[in-house]
N, C-alpha and C. Protein backbone atom coordinates (compact mmCIF):
# COMPACT_ATOMS: atom_id res chain seq x y z
N UNK A 1 25.90 -15.50 -33.52
CA UNK A 1 27.20 -15.62 -33.00
C UNK A 1 27.41 -14.02 -33.83
N UNK A 2 28.63 -13.56 -32.99
CA UNK A 2 29.71 -12.78 -33.74
C UNK A 2 31.18 -12.61 -33.55
N UNK A 3 32.31 -12.00 -34.48
CA UNK A 3 33.47 -12.46 -33.86
C UNK A 3 33.97 -11.17 -32.96
N UNK A 4 34.27 -11.70 -31.80
CA UNK A 4 34.70 -10.87 -31.00
C UNK A 4 35.95 -9.82 -31.04
N UNK A 5 36.68 -10.24 -31.68
CA UNK A 5 37.88 -9.85 -31.97
C UNK A 5 38.15 -9.33 -33.66
N UNK A 6 37.25 -8.52 -34.21
CA UNK A 6 37.35 -8.34 -35.82
C UNK A 6 38.58 -7.90 -36.00
N UNK A 7 39.14 -8.58 -37.22
CA UNK A 7 40.60 -8.60 -37.75
C UNK A 7 41.31 -9.24 -37.59
N UNK A 8 41.42 -9.93 -36.20
CA UNK A 8 42.71 -10.74 -35.86
C UNK A 8 42.14 -12.24 -35.81
N UNK A 9 42.49 -13.37 -35.08
CA UNK A 9 41.98 -14.55 -35.60
C UNK A 9 40.75 -14.73 -35.06
N UNK A 10 39.76 -15.58 -35.70
CA UNK A 10 38.16 -15.81 -35.72
C UNK A 10 37.85 -15.78 -34.20
N UNK A 11 37.08 -15.19 -33.16
CA UNK A 11 36.51 -15.83 -32.15
C UNK A 11 35.29 -15.67 -31.66
N UNK A 12 34.46 -16.82 -32.33
CA UNK A 12 32.96 -16.52 -32.54
C UNK A 12 32.15 -16.90 -31.04
N UNK A 13 31.29 -15.38 -30.78
CA UNK A 13 30.84 -15.47 -29.24
C UNK A 13 29.37 -15.46 -29.34
N UNK A 14 28.66 -15.97 -28.38
CA UNK A 14 27.04 -15.86 -28.71
C UNK A 14 26.54 -14.48 -28.94
N UNK A 15 25.91 -14.22 -29.35
CA UNK A 15 25.12 -12.76 -29.05
C UNK A 15 24.56 -13.06 -27.85
N UNK A 16 24.30 -12.35 -26.75
CA UNK A 16 23.88 -12.12 -25.56
C UNK A 16 22.60 -12.32 -25.25
N UNK A 17 21.97 -12.97 -24.11
CA UNK A 17 20.51 -12.79 -23.66
C UNK A 17 20.14 -11.00 -24.10
N UNK A 18 18.71 -11.12 -24.73
CA UNK A 18 17.98 -10.03 -24.79
C UNK A 18 18.16 -9.57 -26.39
N UNK A 19 19.01 -10.60 -27.14
CA UNK A 19 19.38 -10.23 -28.57
C UNK A 19 19.58 -11.62 -29.39
N UNK A 20 19.15 -11.38 -30.67
CA UNK A 20 19.47 -12.58 -31.51
C UNK A 20 20.36 -11.98 -32.69
N UNK A 21 20.77 -13.08 -33.39
CA UNK A 21 21.55 -12.49 -34.85
C UNK A 21 21.06 -13.61 -35.57
N UNK A 22 21.14 -13.57 -36.83
CA UNK A 22 20.56 -14.22 -37.75
C UNK A 22 22.00 -14.15 -38.75
N UNK A 23 22.19 -14.98 -39.68
CA UNK A 23 23.15 -15.08 -40.87
C UNK A 23 24.49 -15.22 -40.27
N UNK A 24 25.71 -14.57 -41.26
CA UNK A 24 26.89 -14.75 -40.64
C UNK A 24 27.72 -13.79 -41.01
N UNK A 25 29.08 -13.46 -40.55
CA UNK A 25 29.92 -12.22 -41.01
C UNK A 25 29.87 -11.04 -39.57
N UNK A 26 28.77 -11.40 -38.68
CA UNK A 26 28.78 -10.14 -37.64
C UNK A 26 30.42 -9.91 -37.05
N UNK A 27 30.72 -8.74 -37.01
CA UNK A 27 32.17 -8.54 -36.29
C UNK A 27 31.90 -7.44 -34.82
N UNK A 28 30.70 -7.71 -34.52
CA UNK A 28 30.42 -6.74 -32.94
C UNK A 28 29.16 -7.29 -32.38
N UNK A 29 29.08 -6.96 -31.21
CA UNK A 29 27.94 -7.28 -30.67
C UNK A 29 26.75 -6.18 -30.77
N UNK A 30 27.05 -5.33 -31.87
CA UNK A 30 26.15 -4.01 -31.90
C UNK A 30 25.42 -4.50 -32.83
N UNK A 31 25.80 -5.80 -33.93
CA UNK A 31 25.23 -6.08 -34.76
C UNK A 31 24.04 -7.40 -34.61
N UNK A 32 24.32 -7.57 -33.03
CA UNK A 32 23.20 -8.54 -32.79
C UNK A 32 22.00 -7.99 -32.24
N UNK A 33 20.87 -8.37 -32.84
CA UNK A 33 19.39 -7.56 -32.77
C UNK A 33 18.94 -7.49 -31.67
N UNK A 34 18.54 -6.49 -30.82
CA UNK A 34 17.80 -6.19 -29.72
C UNK A 34 16.34 -6.91 -29.74
N UNK A 35 16.11 -7.77 -28.62
CA UNK A 35 14.44 -7.40 -28.65
C UNK A 35 13.57 -6.35 -28.22
N UNK A 36 13.02 -6.13 -28.65
CA UNK A 36 12.62 -4.83 -28.33
C UNK A 36 11.54 -4.04 -27.55
N UNK A 37 10.90 -3.20 -27.21
CA UNK A 37 10.46 -3.15 -26.11
C UNK A 37 9.31 -3.89 -25.78
N UNK A 38 8.95 -4.41 -24.69
CA UNK A 38 7.81 -4.81 -24.54
C UNK A 38 8.16 -6.56 -24.35
N UNK A 39 9.13 -7.23 -24.58
CA UNK A 39 10.00 -8.26 -25.00
C UNK A 39 10.97 -8.34 -24.20
N UNK A 40 11.39 -9.86 -23.95
CA UNK A 40 12.96 -10.09 -23.50
C UNK A 40 13.08 -11.54 -23.78
N UNK A 41 14.48 -11.57 -23.56
CA UNK A 41 14.96 -13.10 -23.80
C UNK A 41 16.15 -13.40 -23.19
N UNK A 42 15.70 -14.77 -22.65
CA UNK A 42 16.73 -14.97 -21.67
C UNK A 42 17.84 -15.74 -22.04
N UNK A 43 17.60 -16.02 -23.62
CA UNK A 43 18.76 -17.17 -24.32
C UNK A 43 19.47 -16.57 -24.90
N UNK A 44 21.11 -16.80 -24.69
CA UNK A 44 21.96 -16.40 -25.13
C UNK A 44 22.35 -17.15 -26.33
N UNK A 45 22.85 -16.60 -27.78
CA UNK A 45 23.17 -17.20 -28.93
C UNK A 45 21.68 -17.46 -29.74
N UNK A 46 20.56 -16.88 -29.55
CA UNK A 46 19.37 -17.06 -30.27
C UNK A 46 19.53 -16.45 -31.60
N UNK A 47 19.03 -17.17 -32.75
CA UNK A 47 19.25 -17.05 -33.92
C UNK A 47 17.92 -16.25 -34.73
N UNK A 48 16.79 -16.14 -34.23
CA UNK A 48 15.53 -15.55 -34.26
C UNK A 48 14.56 -14.91 -33.64
N UNK A 49 13.97 -13.75 -33.94
CA UNK A 49 13.08 -12.81 -32.91
C UNK A 49 12.07 -13.61 -32.43
N UNK A 50 11.77 -14.64 -33.07
CA UNK A 50 10.80 -15.88 -32.41
C UNK A 50 11.14 -15.95 -30.91
N UNK A 51 12.11 -15.82 -30.28
CA UNK A 51 13.19 -15.87 -29.19
C UNK A 51 12.52 -14.94 -27.87
N UNK A 52 12.34 -14.12 -29.00
CA UNK A 52 11.95 -12.47 -27.92
C UNK A 52 10.29 -12.88 -27.19
N UNK A 53 10.07 -13.20 -25.91
CA UNK A 53 8.94 -13.68 -25.51
C UNK A 53 8.45 -11.75 -24.72
N UNK A 54 7.12 -11.94 -25.37
CA UNK A 54 6.58 -10.72 -24.74
C UNK A 54 6.10 -10.55 -23.29
N UNK A 55 6.31 -9.37 -23.02
CA UNK A 55 6.01 -9.35 -21.00
C UNK A 55 4.70 -9.79 -20.75
N UNK A 56 4.10 -10.34 -19.74
CA UNK A 56 3.17 -11.03 -19.72
C UNK A 56 1.58 -9.87 -19.33
N UNK A 57 0.85 -10.45 -19.53
CA UNK A 57 -0.47 -9.30 -19.09
C UNK A 57 -0.22 -8.75 -17.86
N UNK A 58 -0.49 -7.37 -17.67
CA UNK A 58 -0.14 -7.10 -16.26
C UNK A 58 1.27 -6.41 -16.03
N UNK A 59 1.71 -6.38 -17.07
CA UNK A 59 3.22 -5.96 -17.55
C UNK A 59 3.85 -5.31 -18.36
N UNK A 60 4.71 -4.71 -18.60
CA UNK A 60 4.92 -3.48 -19.59
C UNK A 60 6.60 -3.52 -19.53
N UNK A 61 7.36 -3.18 -20.60
CA UNK A 61 8.60 -3.25 -20.93
C UNK A 61 9.00 -1.95 -21.54
N UNK A 62 9.77 -0.79 -21.03
CA UNK A 62 10.20 0.34 -21.56
C UNK A 62 11.27 0.42 -22.37
N UNK A 63 12.30 -0.80 -22.30
CA UNK A 63 13.38 -0.56 -22.76
C UNK A 63 13.68 -2.19 -23.57
N UNK A 64 14.82 -1.91 -24.60
CA UNK A 64 15.06 -2.99 -25.37
C UNK A 64 16.22 -3.74 -24.70
N UNK A 65 16.42 -5.08 -25.07
CA UNK A 65 17.52 -5.83 -24.67
C UNK A 65 17.10 -6.39 -23.39
N UNK A 66 16.08 -6.66 -23.09
CA UNK A 66 15.78 -6.94 -21.90
C UNK A 66 16.10 -8.57 -21.95
N UNK A 67 16.47 -9.18 -20.43
CA UNK A 67 16.79 -10.66 -20.28
C UNK A 67 16.04 -11.44 -19.57
N UNK A 68 15.18 -10.82 -18.84
CA UNK A 68 14.11 -11.86 -18.19
C UNK A 68 12.77 -10.94 -17.83
N UNK A 69 11.91 -12.03 -17.65
CA UNK A 69 10.47 -11.34 -17.28
C UNK A 69 10.74 -10.44 -15.77
N UNK A 70 11.48 -10.24 -14.98
CA UNK A 70 11.41 -9.54 -13.95
C UNK A 70 11.75 -8.44 -14.39
N UNK A 71 12.39 -8.32 -15.63
CA UNK A 71 12.74 -6.56 -16.08
C UNK A 71 11.67 -6.00 -16.39
N UNK A 72 10.38 -6.73 -16.81
CA UNK A 72 9.22 -6.01 -17.32
C UNK A 72 8.47 -5.42 -15.93
N UNK A 73 7.91 -4.51 -15.89
CA UNK A 73 7.48 -3.73 -14.86
C UNK A 73 5.88 -3.63 -14.60
N UNK A 74 5.47 -4.37 -13.31
CA UNK A 74 4.14 -4.33 -13.09
C UNK A 74 3.55 -3.14 -13.22
N UNK A 75 2.19 -3.15 -13.76
CA UNK A 75 1.17 -2.25 -14.16
C UNK A 75 0.74 -1.57 -12.64
N UNK A 76 0.38 -0.49 -12.71
CA UNK A 76 0.02 0.01 -11.28
C UNK A 76 -1.26 -0.67 -10.87
N UNK A 77 -1.49 -0.75 -9.32
CA UNK A 77 -2.70 -1.77 -8.91
C UNK A 77 -3.72 -1.47 -9.75
N UNK A 78 -4.85 -2.77 -9.66
CA UNK A 78 -5.93 -2.45 -10.61
C UNK A 78 -6.08 -2.22 -11.81
N UNK A 79 -4.86 -2.29 -12.30
CA UNK A 79 -4.94 -1.70 -13.81
C UNK A 79 -4.17 -3.27 -14.78
N UNK A 80 -4.10 -3.22 -15.75
CA UNK A 80 -3.37 -4.16 -16.60
C UNK A 80 -4.34 -5.32 -16.39
N UNK A 81 -3.80 -6.42 -16.97
CA UNK A 81 -4.46 -7.63 -17.14
C UNK A 81 -4.58 -8.38 -18.36
N UNK A 82 -5.42 -9.35 -18.36
CA UNK A 82 -5.59 -9.99 -19.80
C UNK A 82 -6.15 -9.10 -20.72
N UNK A 83 -7.31 -8.43 -20.00
CA UNK A 83 -7.73 -7.29 -21.22
C UNK A 83 -6.86 -6.49 -21.91
N UNK A 84 -5.79 -5.97 -21.52
CA UNK A 84 -4.56 -5.10 -22.38
C UNK A 84 -3.78 -6.18 -22.95
N UNK A 85 -3.65 -7.17 -22.60
CA UNK A 85 -3.21 -8.26 -23.41
C UNK A 85 -1.37 -7.89 -23.06
N UNK A 86 -0.61 -8.82 -23.79
CA UNK A 86 1.00 -9.04 -23.48
C UNK A 86 1.94 -7.70 -24.26
N UNK A 87 2.76 -7.72 -24.07
CA UNK A 87 3.97 -7.42 -24.90
C UNK A 87 3.56 -5.47 -24.88
N UNK A 88 3.14 -5.06 -23.42
CA UNK A 88 2.88 -3.95 -23.39
C UNK A 88 4.74 -3.10 -23.27
N UNK A 89 4.11 -1.74 -24.14
CA UNK A 89 5.96 -0.93 -24.03
C UNK A 89 5.72 0.19 -23.06
N UNK A 90 4.60 0.49 -22.18
CA UNK A 90 4.61 1.76 -21.88
C UNK A 90 3.17 1.81 -20.51
N UNK A 91 3.51 2.56 -19.68
CA UNK A 91 2.56 2.39 -18.69
C UNK A 91 1.19 2.90 -18.73
N UNK A 92 1.27 3.64 -19.71
CA UNK A 92 -0.20 4.14 -20.37
C UNK A 92 -0.85 3.70 -21.02
N UNK A 93 -0.49 2.17 -21.17
CA UNK A 93 -1.08 1.02 -21.97
C UNK A 93 -1.41 0.48 -21.19
N UNK A 94 -1.53 0.49 -19.51
CA UNK A 94 -2.29 -0.27 -18.77
C UNK A 94 -3.57 0.75 -18.47
N UNK A 95 -4.63 0.01 -18.79
CA UNK A 95 -5.58 0.27 -18.55
C UNK A 95 -6.52 -0.17 -17.23
N UNK A 96 -7.15 0.36 -16.50
CA UNK A 96 -8.01 0.09 -15.37
C UNK A 96 -9.29 -1.22 -15.50
N UNK A 97 -8.75 -2.16 -14.60
CA UNK A 97 -9.89 -3.08 -15.12
C UNK A 97 -11.05 -2.99 -14.71
N UNK A 98 -12.17 -3.68 -15.24
CA UNK A 98 -13.35 -3.69 -15.18
C UNK A 98 -13.77 -3.24 -13.38
N UNK A 99 -14.76 -2.29 -12.91
CA UNK A 99 -14.99 -2.09 -11.75
C UNK A 99 -14.29 -0.97 -11.26
N UNK A 100 -13.40 -0.68 -11.90
CA UNK A 100 -12.40 0.51 -11.39
C UNK A 100 -12.78 1.59 -12.74
N UNK A 101 -12.18 2.81 -12.31
CA UNK A 101 -11.73 3.97 -13.32
C UNK A 101 -10.74 4.71 -12.66
N UNK A 102 -10.26 5.43 -13.92
CA UNK A 102 -8.77 6.09 -13.58
C UNK A 102 -9.21 7.20 -13.07
N UNK A 103 -8.76 7.57 -11.94
CA UNK A 103 -9.20 8.78 -10.92
C UNK A 103 -9.17 10.05 -11.74
N UNK A 104 -7.34 10.17 -12.37
CA UNK A 104 -7.43 11.34 -12.85
C UNK A 104 -8.17 11.90 -14.40
N UNK A 105 -8.96 10.79 -14.52
CA UNK A 105 -9.55 10.92 -15.83
C UNK A 105 -8.96 10.83 -17.33
N UNK A 106 -7.82 10.33 -17.23
CA UNK A 106 -6.96 9.72 -18.27
C UNK A 106 -6.23 8.66 -18.03
N UNK A 107 -6.18 7.80 -19.37
CA UNK A 107 -5.15 6.80 -19.28
C UNK A 107 -3.82 7.30 -20.00
N UNK A 108 -4.07 8.58 -20.61
CA UNK A 108 -2.70 9.18 -21.56
C UNK A 108 -1.97 9.79 -20.15
N UNK A 109 -1.16 9.02 -19.37
CA UNK A 109 -0.44 9.70 -18.15
C UNK A 109 0.41 8.88 -17.64
N UNK A 110 1.67 9.24 -16.94
CA UNK A 110 2.30 8.27 -16.45
C UNK A 110 2.10 7.97 -15.19
N UNK A 111 0.82 8.24 -14.68
CA UNK A 111 0.78 8.14 -13.20
C UNK A 111 -1.21 7.09 -13.55
N UNK A 112 -1.21 6.31 -13.80
CA UNK A 112 -2.34 5.59 -13.84
C UNK A 112 -3.04 5.29 -12.31
N UNK A 113 -4.09 5.84 -11.77
CA UNK A 113 -4.22 5.75 -10.68
C UNK A 113 -5.83 4.94 -10.81
N UNK A 114 -5.95 3.50 -10.65
CA UNK A 114 -7.41 3.42 -10.77
C UNK A 114 -7.88 3.08 -9.30
N UNK A 115 -9.24 3.48 -9.29
CA UNK A 115 -10.14 3.02 -8.04
C UNK A 115 -11.62 2.77 -8.18
N UNK A 116 -12.09 2.04 -7.45
CA UNK A 116 -13.06 1.18 -7.60
C UNK A 116 -14.08 2.13 -7.65
N UNK A 117 -15.16 1.63 -8.50
CA UNK A 117 -16.26 2.38 -8.54
C UNK A 117 -17.02 2.64 -7.14
N UNK A 118 -18.05 3.74 -6.88
CA UNK A 118 -18.46 4.16 -5.99
C UNK A 118 -19.51 3.18 -5.42
N UNK A 119 -19.75 3.32 -3.90
CA UNK A 119 -21.08 2.48 -3.46
C UNK A 119 -21.97 2.84 -4.28
N UNK A 120 -23.00 1.80 -4.28
CA UNK A 120 -24.45 1.85 -5.49
C UNK A 120 -23.79 1.61 -6.88
N UNK A 121 -22.96 1.31 -6.97
CA UNK A 121 -22.23 1.69 -8.88
C UNK A 121 -21.59 0.43 -8.85
N UNK A 122 -21.68 -0.65 -10.18
CA UNK A 122 -20.49 -1.47 -10.49
C UNK A 122 -20.17 -0.98 -12.15
N UNK A 123 -18.64 -1.55 -12.25
CA UNK A 123 -18.20 -1.05 -13.79
C UNK A 123 -18.05 -2.43 -14.38
N UNK A 124 -18.77 -2.42 -15.59
CA UNK A 124 -18.50 -3.63 -16.60
C UNK A 124 -17.63 -3.80 -17.57
N UNK A 125 -16.80 -1.98 -17.44
CA UNK A 125 -16.20 -2.35 -19.04
C UNK A 125 -14.84 -2.11 -18.18
N UNK A 126 -13.77 -2.49 -19.04
CA UNK A 126 -12.27 -1.98 -18.79
C UNK A 126 -11.70 -0.52 -19.54
N UNK A 127 -10.81 -0.11 -18.87
CA UNK A 127 -10.31 1.03 -19.41
C UNK A 127 -10.93 1.99 -19.16
N UNK A 128 -11.93 2.36 -18.04
CA UNK A 128 -12.64 3.33 -17.98
C UNK A 128 -12.00 4.70 -17.14
N UNK A 129 -12.47 5.60 -17.54
CA UNK A 129 -11.27 6.94 -17.18
C UNK A 129 -12.54 8.15 -16.48
N UNK A 130 -13.57 7.70 -16.23
CA UNK A 130 -14.42 8.63 -15.45
C UNK A 130 -15.39 7.96 -14.80
N UNK A 131 -15.19 8.58 -13.50
CA UNK A 131 -16.39 7.67 -12.66
C UNK A 131 -17.95 8.34 -12.83
N UNK A 132 -18.28 8.90 -14.16
CA UNK A 132 -19.45 8.50 -14.92
C UNK A 132 -19.71 7.64 -15.28
N UNK A 133 -18.88 6.95 -15.91
CA UNK A 133 -19.50 5.98 -16.24
C UNK A 133 -19.57 4.38 -15.97
N UNK A 134 -18.94 4.58 -14.35
CA UNK A 134 -19.96 3.50 -13.44
C UNK A 134 -21.45 3.68 -13.53
N UNK A 135 -21.87 2.29 -13.70
CA UNK A 135 -22.98 2.18 -13.67
C UNK A 135 -24.43 2.01 -12.29
N UNK A 136 -25.21 2.91 -12.29
CA UNK A 136 -26.14 2.68 -10.77
C UNK A 136 -26.60 1.47 -10.45
N UNK A 137 -26.86 0.77 -9.25
CA UNK A 137 -27.41 -0.50 -9.14
C UNK A 137 -28.94 -0.31 -9.77
N UNK A 138 -29.40 -1.29 -10.49
CA UNK A 138 -30.75 -1.03 -10.73
C UNK A 138 -31.69 -1.34 -9.31
N UNK A 139 -32.78 -0.76 -9.73
CA UNK A 139 -33.71 -1.09 -8.62
C UNK A 139 -34.03 -2.02 -7.95
N UNK A 140 -34.22 -2.21 -6.90
CA UNK A 140 -34.14 -3.43 -6.28
C UNK A 140 -32.67 -4.05 -5.46
N UNK A 141 -31.73 -3.12 -5.83
CA UNK A 141 -30.29 -3.80 -5.72
C UNK A 141 -29.82 -2.87 -5.21
N UNK A 142 -28.79 -2.95 -4.02
CA UNK A 142 -27.63 -1.94 -3.49
C UNK A 142 -26.21 -2.36 -3.60
N UNK A 143 -25.29 -1.76 -3.54
CA UNK A 143 -23.57 -1.92 -3.27
C UNK A 143 -23.21 -1.21 -1.95
N UNK A 144 -22.85 -1.71 -1.11
CA UNK A 144 -22.47 -0.87 -0.25
C UNK A 144 -20.84 -1.29 -0.46
N UNK A 145 -20.12 -0.48 0.26
CA UNK A 145 -18.28 -0.30 0.20
C UNK A 145 -17.97 -0.39 -0.83
N UNK A 146 -16.73 -0.36 -0.99
CA UNK A 146 -15.76 0.10 -2.37
C UNK A 146 -15.47 -1.30 -2.97
N UNK A 147 -15.96 -2.86 -2.73
CA UNK A 147 -15.42 -3.78 -3.09
C UNK A 147 -15.87 -3.61 -4.61
N UNK A 148 -15.05 -4.02 -5.60
CA UNK A 148 -15.59 -3.53 -7.23
C UNK A 148 -16.25 -4.92 -7.63
N UNK A 149 -17.38 -4.36 -8.42
CA UNK A 149 -18.13 -5.37 -8.99
C UNK A 149 -18.27 -5.24 -10.60
N UNK A 150 -18.88 -5.86 -11.29
CA UNK A 150 -18.91 -6.06 -12.79
C UNK A 150 -19.99 -5.98 -13.50
N UNK A 151 -21.15 -6.55 -12.50
CA UNK A 151 -22.57 -6.89 -13.09
C UNK A 151 -23.54 -6.09 -12.51
N UNK A 152 -24.61 -5.95 -12.97
CA UNK A 152 -25.79 -5.65 -12.05
C UNK A 152 -26.30 -6.61 -11.06
N UNK A 153 -26.37 -7.97 -11.37
CA UNK A 153 -26.33 -8.88 -10.81
C UNK A 153 -25.50 -9.20 -9.45
N UNK A 154 -24.36 -8.67 -9.74
CA UNK A 154 -23.59 -8.44 -8.36
C UNK A 154 -23.74 -7.62 -7.22
N UNK A 155 -24.85 -6.53 -7.66
CA UNK A 155 -25.42 -5.73 -6.53
C UNK A 155 -26.61 -6.74 -5.75
N UNK A 156 -26.40 -6.56 -4.56
CA UNK A 156 -27.04 -6.94 -3.67
C UNK A 156 -28.44 -6.92 -3.65
N UNK A 157 -29.21 -7.77 -3.70
CA UNK A 157 -30.95 -7.57 -3.49
C UNK A 157 -31.66 -7.15 -2.54
N UNK A 158 -32.39 -6.23 -2.25
CA UNK A 158 -33.36 -6.07 -1.22
C UNK A 158 -33.75 -7.25 -0.57
N UNK A 159 -33.72 -7.17 0.55
CA UNK A 159 -34.74 -8.51 1.38
C UNK A 159 -36.11 -8.60 1.10
N UNK A 160 -36.54 -9.96 1.35
CA UNK A 160 -37.99 -9.79 1.15
C UNK A 160 -38.59 -9.15 2.12
N UNK A 161 -39.70 -8.60 1.59
CA UNK A 161 -40.51 -7.88 2.42
C UNK A 161 -40.17 -6.44 1.83
N UNK A 162 -39.20 -6.14 1.64
CA UNK A 162 -38.44 -4.58 1.12
C UNK A 162 -38.67 -4.48 -0.39
N UNK A 163 -38.37 -3.07 -0.59
CA UNK A 163 -38.12 -2.45 -1.99
C UNK A 163 -37.41 -1.32 -2.23
N UNK A 164 -36.79 -0.88 -3.26
CA UNK A 164 -36.11 0.01 -3.61
C UNK A 164 -37.01 1.46 -4.33
N UNK A 165 -36.74 2.09 -3.43
CA UNK A 165 -36.95 3.54 -4.14
C UNK A 165 -36.32 4.24 -5.52
N UNK A 166 -35.21 3.91 -5.74
CA UNK A 166 -34.32 4.40 -6.43
C UNK A 166 -33.41 3.44 -7.16
N UNK A 167 -32.50 3.86 -8.05
CA UNK A 167 -31.25 2.89 -8.55
C UNK A 167 -30.24 4.00 -7.59
N UNK A 168 -29.28 2.86 -7.74
CA UNK A 168 -28.12 3.49 -6.79
C UNK A 168 -27.87 3.40 -5.59
N UNK A 169 -28.72 2.50 -5.02
CA UNK A 169 -28.60 2.25 -3.33
C UNK A 169 -27.49 2.63 -3.04
N UNK A 170 -26.61 2.71 -1.56
CA UNK A 170 -25.58 2.13 -1.21
C UNK A 170 -25.46 1.47 0.12
N UNK A 171 -26.93 0.96 0.62
CA UNK A 171 -27.02 0.32 1.88
C UNK A 171 -28.09 -0.29 2.18
N UNK A 172 -28.42 -1.44 2.73
CA UNK A 172 -28.99 -2.29 3.45
C UNK A 172 -30.78 -1.48 3.60
N UNK A 173 -29.81 -0.21 4.43
CA UNK A 173 -30.99 0.30 4.91
C UNK A 173 -31.92 1.16 4.26
N UNK A 174 -31.72 1.67 3.21
CA UNK A 174 -31.83 2.08 1.85
C UNK A 174 -33.19 1.40 1.50
N UNK A 175 -33.29 0.16 1.37
CA UNK A 175 -34.31 -0.60 1.00
C UNK A 175 -35.49 -0.32 2.17
N UNK A 176 -37.10 0.01 1.79
CA UNK A 176 -38.11 0.41 2.20
C UNK A 176 -38.97 -0.65 2.74
N UNK A 177 -39.27 -0.78 3.73
CA UNK A 177 -40.45 -1.62 3.99
C UNK A 177 -42.00 -1.65 3.30
N UNK A 178 -41.90 -2.74 2.79
CA UNK A 178 -43.35 -2.95 1.78
C UNK A 178 -44.60 -2.62 2.65
N UNK A 179 -45.60 -1.96 2.00
CA UNK A 179 -46.73 -1.38 3.19
C UNK A 179 -47.61 -2.37 3.14
N UNK A 180 -47.17 -3.57 2.82
CA UNK A 180 -48.20 -4.77 3.06
C UNK A 180 -47.47 -6.05 3.79
N UNK A 181 -48.08 -6.90 5.01
CA UNK A 181 -47.69 -8.02 5.24
C UNK A 181 -47.33 -9.11 4.03
N UNK A 182 -46.23 -9.79 4.30
CA UNK A 182 -45.80 -10.97 3.14
C UNK A 182 -45.51 -10.45 2.04
N UNK A 183 -45.17 -9.36 1.44
CA UNK A 183 -44.64 -8.82 0.49
C UNK A 183 -43.07 -9.42 0.48
N UNK A 184 -42.59 -9.06 -0.88
CA UNK A 184 -41.21 -9.89 -1.60
C UNK A 184 -40.62 -8.82 -1.91
N UNK A 185 -39.23 -9.02 -1.73
CA UNK A 185 -38.44 -7.80 -2.35
C UNK A 185 -37.94 -8.84 -3.62
N UNK A 186 -37.66 -7.97 -4.99
CA UNK A 186 -37.64 -8.53 -6.20
C UNK A 186 -37.05 -7.64 -7.28
N UNK A 187 -36.81 -8.11 -8.56
CA UNK A 187 -36.65 -6.93 -9.44
C UNK A 187 -37.99 -6.01 -9.18
N UNK A 188 -38.18 -5.14 -10.06
CA UNK A 188 -39.28 -4.31 -9.79
C UNK A 188 -40.41 -5.37 -11.45
N UNK A 189 -41.57 -5.05 -10.72
CA UNK A 189 -42.37 -5.64 -11.25
C UNK A 189 -43.65 -5.04 -11.96
N UNK A 190 -43.62 -3.61 -11.79
CA UNK A 190 -44.60 -2.83 -12.94
C UNK A 190 -43.92 -1.15 -12.44
N UNK A 191 -44.85 -0.44 -12.63
CA UNK A 191 -44.33 0.91 -12.99
C UNK A 191 -43.82 1.71 -11.99
N UNK A 192 -44.62 1.63 -10.73
CA UNK A 192 -43.61 1.68 -9.56
C UNK A 192 -42.69 1.08 -8.73
N UNK A 193 -41.51 1.61 -7.65
CA UNK A 193 -40.98 0.67 -6.97
C UNK A 193 -41.93 0.04 -6.02
N UNK A 194 -42.61 0.48 -5.37
CA UNK A 194 -43.58 0.10 -4.74
C UNK A 194 -44.61 -1.20 -4.98
N UNK A 195 -44.50 -1.48 -6.15
CA UNK A 195 -45.17 -2.22 -6.83
C UNK A 195 -44.32 -3.80 -6.93
N UNK A 196 -43.16 -3.57 -6.64
CA UNK A 196 -42.43 -4.91 -6.16
C UNK A 196 -43.03 -5.76 -4.90
N UNK A 197 -43.77 -4.85 -4.21
CA UNK A 197 -44.39 -5.15 -3.22
C UNK A 197 -45.86 -6.40 -3.79
N UNK A 198 -46.21 -7.34 -3.39
CA UNK A 198 -47.40 -7.97 -3.58
C UNK A 198 -48.21 -8.22 -2.16
């Protein structure tokens, strides 16, 4: 509470939402403590900083005294999430999700622009800022299109009777037909890709 009309008759008023006040003797709303950036509180009359709730994962708050989660700004598409945690205070803290990288090469800018790793590649880590950090699908596997994937095992295996001549294939048609009938497509089993054929 604070005294809304200091010097006259005492008129105690609740500290507004987005703030809290402890102790006694406050004589203006300015003496109520603001919830900091990255937090909000919809509760008027709060008496502890514990009532300030962090903006959830995938959102950030650039101003103090926020009164609802709606005032937390959503991170750009394909960024932010549980990997960044909650209570973010700036867009720069929104990092790209696994399977994506920041197209302009830096998370330290006001325009995080996350794009999927290219065909034939996957991204296993969050916060990547370079396309070169996307990993090529291993021998015997490929990835078509831009649907993000996060593990080598998410790359599609070449079909039975085919093998992969290189890593990072981008289409099923790049899997080569084995030279012998009855062969199977599998993970590499020997020193050369054709050794996948039996």
